[in-house]
Amino acid sequence: MYKKIDRETLKAKLESDEVIHLVEVLSKKEFERLHIKGAEHIQFGDIAQEAKKRFDLKDTIIVYCADKECLASPTAAKKLDTFNFSNVYDYEAGKADWKAAGYQMEGLEVSSN
């Protein structure tokens, strides 16, 4: 069963030596526009197929989308559960929360500022 993760716990995980896969599950265009620094992209409709190719079942995978109203990341986390990935987290507050905290972002929106 996937777990929820908050901003500060995610930040600590990203700053640790732990190997994690931080995955934005929105569209490629949205990912290219702005994403959390170091994130990977897998559109939520492709999450199971792509995760099976890229990750081991015991890898730490943290999915996120736009904000708490966005249903893409909880949907992706549930799908990963059904494919037996055992260390899945949903950062449900998403990139809006991360950006509001002033944490590092990447993408075209950052480059143009």
N, C-alpha and C. Protein backbone atom coordinates (compact mmCIF):
# COMPACT_ATOMS: atom_id res chain seq x y z
N MET A 1 0.85 -1.19 0.00
CA MET A 1 0.00 0.00 0.00
C MET A 1 0.88 1.24 0.00
N TYR A 2 0.62 2.15 -0.94
CA TYR A 2 1.44 3.35 -1.00
C TYR A 2 1.17 4.24 0.20
N LYS A 3 2.15 5.11 0.48
CA LYS A 3 2.06 6.03 1.60
C LYS A 3 2.10 7.47 1.06
N LYS A 4 1.63 8.39 1.85
CA LYS A 4 1.74 9.80 1.50
C LYS A 4 3.03 10.34 2.10
N ILE A 5 3.59 11.34 1.43
CA ILE A 5 4.82 11.96 1.93
C ILE A 5 4.62 13.47 1.89
N ASP A 6 5.14 14.15 2.90
CA ASP A 6 5.01 15.61 2.93
C ASP A 6 6.28 16.26 2.39
N ARG A 7 6.21 17.55 2.20
CA ARG A 7 7.29 18.31 1.57
C ARG A 7 8.62 18.16 2.31
N GLU A 8 8.62 18.31 3.62
CA GLU A 8 9.88 18.28 4.37
C GLU A 8 10.50 16.88 4.37
N THR A 9 9.67 15.85 4.44
CA THR A 9 10.19 14.48 4.37
C THR A 9 10.76 14.20 2.99
N LEU A 10 10.08 14.67 1.96
CA LEU A 10 10.60 14.52 0.60
C LEU A 10 11.92 15.24 0.45
N LYS A 11 11.99 16.46 0.93
CA LYS A 11 13.23 17.24 0.84
C LYS A 11 14.38 16.50 1.52
N ALA A 12 14.13 15.95 2.70
CA ALA A 12 15.16 15.21 3.43
C ALA A 12 15.60 13.97 2.64
N LYS A 13 14.64 13.27 2.03
CA LYS A 13 14.99 12.09 1.22
C LYS A 13 15.86 12.49 0.02
N LEU A 14 15.50 13.59 -0.63
CA LEU A 14 16.27 14.04 -1.78
C LEU A 14 17.69 14.48 -1.40
N GLU A 15 17.85 14.97 -0.19
CA GLU A 15 19.16 15.43 0.27
C GLU A 15 20.00 14.30 0.87
N SER A 16 19.40 13.14 1.08
CA SER A 16 20.12 12.00 1.66
C SER A 16 20.83 11.23 0.55
N ASP A 17 21.54 10.20 0.96
CA ASP A 17 22.22 9.34 -0.02
C ASP A 17 21.30 8.24 -0.52
N GLU A 18 20.07 8.20 -0.02
CA GLU A 18 19.13 7.17 -0.44
C GLU A 18 18.81 7.31 -1.93
N VAL A 19 18.78 6.21 -2.62
CA VAL A 19 18.42 6.23 -4.04
C VAL A 19 16.91 6.22 -4.15
N ILE A 20 16.37 7.28 -4.73
CA ILE A 20 14.93 7.36 -4.93
C ILE A 20 14.64 7.78 -6.36
N HIS A 21 13.46 7.45 -6.80
CA HIS A 21 12.99 7.89 -8.11
C HIS A 21 11.82 8.84 -7.84
N LEU A 22 12.04 10.11 -8.13
CA LEU A 22 11.00 11.12 -8.00
C LEU A 22 10.39 11.29 -9.38
N VAL A 23 9.11 10.99 -9.51
CA VAL A 23 8.47 10.92 -10.82
C VAL A 23 7.29 11.86 -10.91
N GLU A 24 7.37 12.80 -11.86
CA GLU A 24 6.21 13.63 -12.17
C GLU A 24 5.35 12.88 -13.17
N VAL A 25 4.05 12.82 -12.90
CA VAL A 25 3.15 12.00 -13.72
C VAL A 25 2.21 12.84 -14.59
N LEU A 26 2.51 14.11 -14.75
CA LEU A 26 1.72 14.97 -15.63
C LEU A 26 2.19 14.81 -17.07
N SER A 27 1.64 15.60 -17.98
CA SER A 27 2.02 15.51 -19.39
C SER A 27 3.49 15.92 -19.59
N LYS A 28 4.06 15.47 -20.69
CA LYS A 28 5.45 15.82 -21.02
C LYS A 28 5.60 17.34 -21.13
N LYS A 29 4.63 17.99 -21.74
CA LYS A 29 4.66 19.45 -21.90
C LYS A 29 4.70 20.14 -20.53
N GLU A 30 3.87 19.67 -19.61
CA GLU A 30 3.83 20.25 -18.27
C GLU A 30 5.15 19.99 -17.53
N PHE A 31 5.70 18.79 -17.68
CA PHE A 31 6.98 18.46 -17.06
C PHE A 31 8.08 19.38 -17.61
N GLU A 32 8.12 19.56 -18.92
CA GLU A 32 9.14 20.41 -19.52
C GLU A 32 8.99 21.86 -19.09
N ARG A 33 7.76 22.28 -18.85
CA ARG A 33 7.51 23.66 -18.41
C ARG A 33 8.11 23.90 -17.02
N LEU A 34 7.85 22.97 -16.09
CA LEU A 34 8.31 23.16 -14.72
C LEU A 34 8.20 21.85 -13.96
N HIS A 35 9.27 21.46 -13.29
CA HIS A 35 9.24 20.26 -12.45
C HIS A 35 10.22 20.41 -11.29
N ILE A 36 10.05 19.56 -10.29
CA ILE A 36 10.96 19.56 -9.15
C ILE A 36 12.34 19.12 -9.64
N LYS A 37 13.36 19.82 -9.19
CA LYS A 37 14.74 19.53 -9.63
C LYS A 37 15.07 18.06 -9.39
N GLY A 38 15.55 17.41 -10.45
CA GLY A 38 15.97 16.02 -10.36
C GLY A 38 14.88 15.01 -10.66
N ALA A 39 13.67 15.49 -10.90
CA ALA A 39 12.55 14.57 -11.16
C ALA A 39 12.68 13.91 -12.53
N GLU A 40 12.07 12.74 -12.63
CA GLU A 40 11.94 12.01 -13.89
C GLU A 40 10.50 12.21 -14.37
N HIS A 41 10.27 11.92 -15.65
CA HIS A 41 8.91 12.05 -16.17
C HIS A 41 8.39 10.70 -16.65
N ILE A 42 7.21 10.35 -16.16
CA ILE A 42 6.42 9.25 -16.71
C ILE A 42 4.97 9.70 -16.64
N GLN A 43 4.33 9.84 -17.77
CA GLN A 43 2.93 10.24 -17.77
C GLN A 43 2.11 9.18 -17.04
N PHE A 44 1.13 9.60 -16.23
CA PHE A 44 0.46 8.65 -15.34
C PHE A 44 -0.19 7.49 -16.06
N GLY A 45 -0.63 7.68 -17.28
CA GLY A 45 -1.24 6.59 -18.03
C GLY A 45 -0.25 5.50 -18.41
N ASP A 46 1.04 5.84 -18.38
CA ASP A 46 2.11 4.90 -18.75
C ASP A 46 2.89 4.40 -17.54
N ILE A 47 2.46 4.74 -16.35
CA ILE A 47 3.30 4.53 -15.16
C ILE A 47 3.67 3.06 -14.95
N ALA A 48 2.73 2.15 -15.04
CA ALA A 48 3.04 0.75 -14.74
C ALA A 48 4.02 0.18 -15.76
N GLN A 49 3.73 0.39 -17.02
CA GLN A 49 4.58 -0.14 -18.09
C GLN A 49 6.00 0.42 -18.00
N GLU A 50 6.11 1.73 -17.83
CA GLU A 50 7.43 2.36 -17.76
C GLU A 50 8.17 2.00 -16.47
N ALA A 51 7.47 1.96 -15.36
CA ALA A 51 8.11 1.63 -14.08
C ALA A 51 8.68 0.21 -14.12
N LYS A 52 7.96 -0.71 -14.74
CA LYS A 52 8.47 -2.09 -14.85
C LYS A 52 9.76 -2.14 -15.65
N LYS A 53 9.90 -1.26 -16.63
CA LYS A 53 11.13 -1.21 -17.44
C LYS A 53 12.29 -0.56 -16.68
N ARG A 54 11.98 0.48 -15.90
CA ARG A 54 13.03 1.32 -15.32
C ARG A 54 13.43 0.97 -13.89
N PHE A 55 12.49 0.43 -13.11
CA PHE A 55 12.72 0.30 -11.67
C PHE A 55 12.59 -1.14 -11.19
N ASP A 56 13.25 -1.42 -10.07
CA ASP A 56 13.06 -2.69 -9.38
C ASP A 56 11.85 -2.57 -8.46
N LEU A 57 11.23 -3.70 -8.14
CA LEU A 57 10.02 -3.68 -7.31
C LEU A 57 10.24 -3.09 -5.93
N LYS A 58 11.47 -3.12 -5.42
CA LYS A 58 11.75 -2.59 -4.07
C LYS A 58 12.31 -1.17 -4.08
N ASP A 59 12.48 -0.58 -5.26
CA ASP A 59 12.97 0.80 -5.34
C ASP A 59 11.99 1.76 -4.66
N THR A 60 12.53 2.83 -4.12
CA THR A 60 11.69 3.89 -3.59
C THR A 60 11.24 4.77 -4.75
N ILE A 61 9.93 4.85 -4.93
CA ILE A 61 9.34 5.64 -6.01
C ILE A 61 8.39 6.65 -5.39
N ILE A 62 8.63 7.93 -5.66
CA ILE A 62 7.77 8.99 -5.16
C ILE A 62 7.14 9.67 -6.36
N VAL A 63 5.83 9.62 -6.44
CA VAL A 63 5.11 10.24 -7.55
C VAL A 63 4.48 11.55 -7.08
N TYR A 64 4.36 12.49 -8.01
CA TYR A 64 3.68 13.75 -7.70
C TYR A 64 3.05 14.31 -8.96
N CYS A 65 2.11 15.22 -8.75
CA CYS A 65 1.51 15.93 -9.88
C CYS A 65 1.43 17.41 -9.52
N ALA A 66 0.38 18.09 -9.91
CA ALA A 66 0.32 19.55 -9.77
C ALA A 66 0.07 20.03 -8.33
N ASP A 67 -0.97 19.48 -7.68
CA ASP A 67 -1.36 19.95 -6.36
C ASP A 67 -2.32 18.94 -5.73
N LYS A 68 -2.87 19.28 -4.56
CA LYS A 68 -3.75 18.33 -3.85
C LYS A 68 -5.02 17.99 -4.62
N GLU A 69 -5.47 18.87 -5.51
CA GLU A 69 -6.69 18.60 -6.28
C GLU A 69 -6.43 17.66 -7.45
N CYS A 70 -5.20 17.54 -7.85
CA CYS A 70 -4.81 16.70 -8.98
C CYS A 70 -4.89 15.22 -8.58
N LEU A 71 -5.54 14.42 -9.39
CA LEU A 71 -5.71 13.00 -9.07
C LEU A 71 -4.71 12.09 -9.78
N ALA A 72 -3.81 12.66 -10.58
CA ALA A 72 -2.87 11.84 -11.34
C ALA A 72 -1.90 11.08 -10.45
N SER A 73 -1.35 11.71 -9.43
CA SER A 73 -0.36 11.00 -8.61
C SER A 73 -0.97 9.92 -7.72
N PRO A 74 -2.13 10.14 -7.07
CA PRO A 74 -2.70 9.02 -6.33
C PRO A 74 -3.11 7.87 -7.25
N THR A 75 -3.56 8.19 -8.45
CA THR A 75 -3.91 7.14 -9.42
C THR A 75 -2.66 6.35 -9.80
N ALA A 76 -1.56 7.06 -10.04
CA ALA A 76 -0.30 6.40 -10.39
C ALA A 76 0.21 5.54 -9.23
N ALA A 77 0.13 6.06 -8.01
CA ALA A 77 0.59 5.31 -6.84
C ALA A 77 -0.23 4.02 -6.66
N LYS A 78 -1.54 4.11 -6.83
CA LYS A 78 -2.39 2.91 -6.74
C LYS A 78 -2.02 1.89 -7.81
N LYS A 79 -1.75 2.37 -9.01
CA LYS A 79 -1.38 1.47 -10.10
C LYS A 79 -0.05 0.77 -9.78
N LEU A 80 0.91 1.51 -9.24
CA LEU A 80 2.19 0.90 -8.87
C LEU A 80 1.99 -0.16 -7.79
N ASP A 81 1.09 0.10 -6.86
CA ASP A 81 0.74 -0.91 -5.84
C ASP A 81 0.24 -2.19 -6.50
N THR A 82 -0.62 -2.06 -7.48
CA THR A 82 -1.20 -3.25 -8.11
C THR A 82 -0.16 -4.06 -8.88
N PHE A 83 0.95 -3.41 -9.24
CA PHE A 83 2.04 -4.12 -9.93
C PHE A 83 3.16 -4.51 -8.97
N ASN A 84 2.84 -4.53 -7.68
CA ASN A 84 3.73 -5.05 -6.63
C ASN A 84 4.97 -4.22 -6.34
N PHE A 85 4.96 -2.94 -6.69
CA PHE A 85 6.03 -2.07 -6.22
C PHE A 85 5.76 -1.81 -4.73
N SER A 86 6.78 -2.04 -3.91
CA SER A 86 6.54 -2.09 -2.46
C SER A 86 6.95 -0.85 -1.68
N ASN A 87 7.55 0.13 -2.34
CA ASN A 87 8.04 1.30 -1.62
C ASN A 87 7.62 2.57 -2.37
N VAL A 88 6.30 2.78 -2.43
CA VAL A 88 5.72 3.86 -3.23
C VAL A 88 5.15 4.94 -2.31
N TYR A 89 5.42 6.19 -2.69
CA TYR A 89 4.90 7.35 -1.96
C TYR A 89 4.20 8.28 -2.94
N ASP A 90 3.20 8.98 -2.42
CA ASP A 90 2.52 10.03 -3.18
C ASP A 90 2.76 11.35 -2.47
N TYR A 91 3.42 12.26 -3.16
CA TYR A 91 3.58 13.63 -2.67
C TYR A 91 2.38 14.40 -3.20
N GLU A 92 1.28 14.28 -2.46
CA GLU A 92 0.00 14.78 -2.95
C GLU A 92 -0.08 16.29 -3.06
N ALA A 93 0.72 17.02 -2.31
CA ALA A 93 0.69 18.48 -2.41
C ALA A 93 1.33 18.96 -3.72
N GLY A 94 2.18 18.14 -4.30
CA GLY A 94 2.71 18.36 -5.63
C GLY A 94 3.62 19.55 -5.81
N LYS A 95 3.85 19.84 -7.08
CA LYS A 95 4.84 20.87 -7.39
C LYS A 95 4.38 22.26 -6.98
N ALA A 96 3.10 22.51 -6.85
CA ALA A 96 2.65 23.82 -6.37
C ALA A 96 3.15 24.07 -4.94
N ASP A 97 3.09 23.04 -4.10
CA ASP A 97 3.56 23.14 -2.72
C ASP A 97 5.08 23.32 -2.69
N TRP A 98 5.78 22.55 -3.51
CA TRP A 98 7.25 22.63 -3.57
C TRP A 98 7.69 24.03 -4.01
N LYS A 99 7.05 24.54 -5.04
CA LYS A 99 7.38 25.87 -5.57
C LYS A 99 7.06 26.95 -4.54
N ALA A 100 5.92 26.82 -3.85
CA ALA A 100 5.52 27.80 -2.83
C ALA A 100 6.54 27.89 -1.71
N ALA A 101 7.23 26.77 -1.44
CA ALA A 101 8.25 26.76 -0.39
C ALA A 101 9.56 27.37 -0.87
N GLY A 102 9.64 27.64 -2.17
CA GLY A 102 10.86 28.22 -2.71
C GLY A 102 11.96 27.21 -2.99
N TYR A 103 11.61 25.95 -3.06
CA TYR A 103 12.60 24.90 -3.31
C TYR A 103 12.91 24.82 -4.80
N GLN A 104 14.01 24.15 -5.11
CA GLN A 104 14.54 24.14 -6.47
C GLN A 104 13.61 23.47 -7.48
N MET A 105 13.44 24.19 -8.58
CA MET A 105 12.64 23.73 -9.71
C MET A 105 13.50 23.80 -10.97
N GLU A 106 13.11 23.05 -11.98
CA GLU A 106 13.78 23.08 -13.28
C GLU A 106 12.71 23.18 -14.36
N GLY A 107 13.13 23.59 -15.54
CA GLY A 107 12.23 23.63 -16.68
C GLY A 107 12.26 24.96 -17.40
N LEU A 108 11.48 25.05 -18.46
CA LEU A 108 11.45 26.24 -19.30
C LEU A 108 11.02 27.49 -18.53
N GLU A 109 10.07 27.32 -17.61
CA GLU A 109 9.59 28.46 -16.83
C GLU A 109 10.70 29.05 -15.99
N VAL A 110 11.57 28.21 -15.44
CA VAL A 110 12.69 28.68 -14.63
C VAL A 110 13.72 29.37 -15.53
N SER A 111 13.99 28.78 -16.69
CA SER A 111 14.99 29.32 -17.62
C SER A 111 14.63 30.69 -18.15
N SER A 112 13.32 30.96 -18.27
CA SER A 112 12.88 32.22 -18.86
C SER A 112 12.82 33.36 -17.85
N ASN A 113 13.00 33.03 -16.57
CA ASN A 113 12.94 34.10 -15.54
C ASN A 113 14.29 34.73 -15.33
